Amino acid sequence: MIDDDFLKMLRCPVDHRPLRVADASLLARLNQRAASGSLRNQSGGTVEDHLSDALINEPGTIAYPVIDDIPNMITDDSIPLDQIDGVP
């Protein structure tokens, strides 16, 4: 789980706006896609790790994976959310 004070310091590396923690439903869908091998990151690679959390940009279009409670803020490793059902 991401500490609230730490979350307040984090910013999207693309637009520098605040991030929010993914809700349980979205996190479950991300992990389901990762487990099936169908979740892709921004660079087209397969996301195979279980996400302990995800940080979502302000428009809700990109997720930054959190693996073992460590946020990965590398843009190429971010996950476009247009591949997840129910996310615009």
Protein backbone atom coordinates (compact mmCIF):
# COMPACT_ATOMS: atom_id res chain seq x y z
CA MET A 1 0.00 0.00 0.00
CA ILE A 2 1.26 3.46 -0.91
CA ASP A 3 1.68 5.83 2.03
CA ASP A 4 -0.50 8.96 1.65
CA ASP A 5 2.41 11.35 2.32
CA PHE A 6 4.55 9.56 -0.28
CA LEU A 7 1.68 9.63 -2.80
CA LYS A 8 1.38 13.41 -2.38
CA MET A 9 5.01 13.76 -3.53
CA LEU A 10 4.65 11.59 -6.63
CA ARG A 11 3.78 13.12 -9.98
CA CYS A 12 3.12 11.69 -13.42
CA PRO A 13 6.45 11.80 -15.28
CA VAL A 14 4.66 12.82 -18.48
CA ASP A 15 2.45 15.74 -17.40
CA HIS A 16 3.64 16.28 -13.79
CA ARG A 17 0.11 16.15 -12.38
CA PRO A 18 -0.81 14.25 -9.21
CA LEU A 19 -1.49 10.52 -9.26
CA ARG A 20 -4.13 8.47 -7.47
CA VAL A 21 -4.18 4.89 -6.31
CA ALA A 22 -6.18 2.49 -8.48
CA ASP A 23 -9.39 1.22 -6.96
CA ALA A 24 -9.71 -2.48 -6.10
CA SER A 25 -11.79 -3.28 -9.19
CA LEU A 26 -9.28 -1.80 -11.64
CA LEU A 27 -6.35 -3.43 -9.82
CA ALA A 28 -8.10 -6.81 -10.03
CA ARG A 29 -8.68 -6.38 -13.78
CA LEU A 30 -5.05 -5.38 -14.34
CA ASN A 31 -3.82 -8.42 -12.42
CA GLN A 32 -6.24 -10.71 -14.25
CA ARG A 33 -4.88 -9.51 -17.60
CA ALA A 34 -1.28 -9.83 -16.34
CA ALA A 35 -1.93 -13.41 -15.18
CA SER A 36 -3.37 -14.31 -18.59
CA GLY A 37 -0.40 -12.77 -20.40
CA SER A 38 -2.52 -10.22 -22.24
CA LEU A 39 -1.53 -7.03 -20.41
CA ARG A 40 0.83 -4.79 -22.39
CA ASN A 41 2.90 -1.84 -21.29
CA GLN A 42 3.51 1.39 -23.19
CA SER A 43 6.46 -0.09 -25.10
CA GLY A 44 4.42 -3.15 -26.16
CA GLY A 45 6.01 -5.60 -23.72
CA THR A 46 4.00 -8.08 -21.71
CA VAL A 47 3.37 -7.21 -18.06
CA GLU A 48 3.88 -10.48 -16.19
CA ASP A 49 4.37 -9.36 -12.58
CA HIS A 50 1.53 -9.25 -10.07
CA LEU A 51 0.76 -5.61 -9.27
CA SER A 52 0.58 -4.88 -5.56
CA ASP A 53 -0.98 -1.57 -6.59
CA ALA A 54 -1.14 0.85 -9.50
CA LEU A 55 -0.93 4.63 -9.71
CA ILE A 56 -3.29 6.30 -12.15
CA ASN A 57 -2.66 9.61 -13.93
CA GLU A 58 -5.19 12.43 -13.62
CA PRO A 59 -7.01 11.78 -16.93
CA GLY A 60 -7.26 8.08 -16.03
CA THR A 61 -5.50 6.89 -19.17
CA ILE A 62 -2.24 5.47 -17.80
CA ALA A 63 -1.36 3.22 -14.87
CA TYR A 64 2.09 3.08 -13.34
CA PRO A 65 2.65 -0.39 -11.88
CA VAL A 66 3.54 -0.89 -8.24
CA ILE A 67 5.43 -4.16 -7.73
CA ASP A 68 6.22 -5.32 -4.19
CA ASP A 69 5.13 -1.86 -2.97
CA ILE A 70 7.68 -0.08 -5.22
CA PRO A 71 6.21 2.31 -7.82
CA ASN A 72 7.67 1.99 -11.31
CA MET A 73 7.51 5.46 -12.82
CA ILE A 74 9.34 4.58 -16.06
CA THR A 75 7.13 5.78 -18.90
CA ASP A 76 7.87 2.78 -21.15
CA ASP A 77 6.71 0.47 -18.35
CA SER A 78 3.43 2.32 -17.81
CA ILE A 79 0.21 0.58 -18.78
CA PRO A 80 -2.25 2.22 -21.20
CA LEU A 81 -5.70 1.75 -19.68
CA ASP A 82 -7.56 1.73 -23.00
CA GLN A 83 -6.86 -2.03 -23.12
CA ILE A 84 -8.89 -2.63 -19.94
CA ASP A 85 -12.65 -3.17 -20.25
CA GLY A 86 -14.70 -0.44 -18.62
CA VAL A 87 -11.90 2.14 -18.65
CA PRO A 88 -12.22 4.89 -21.25
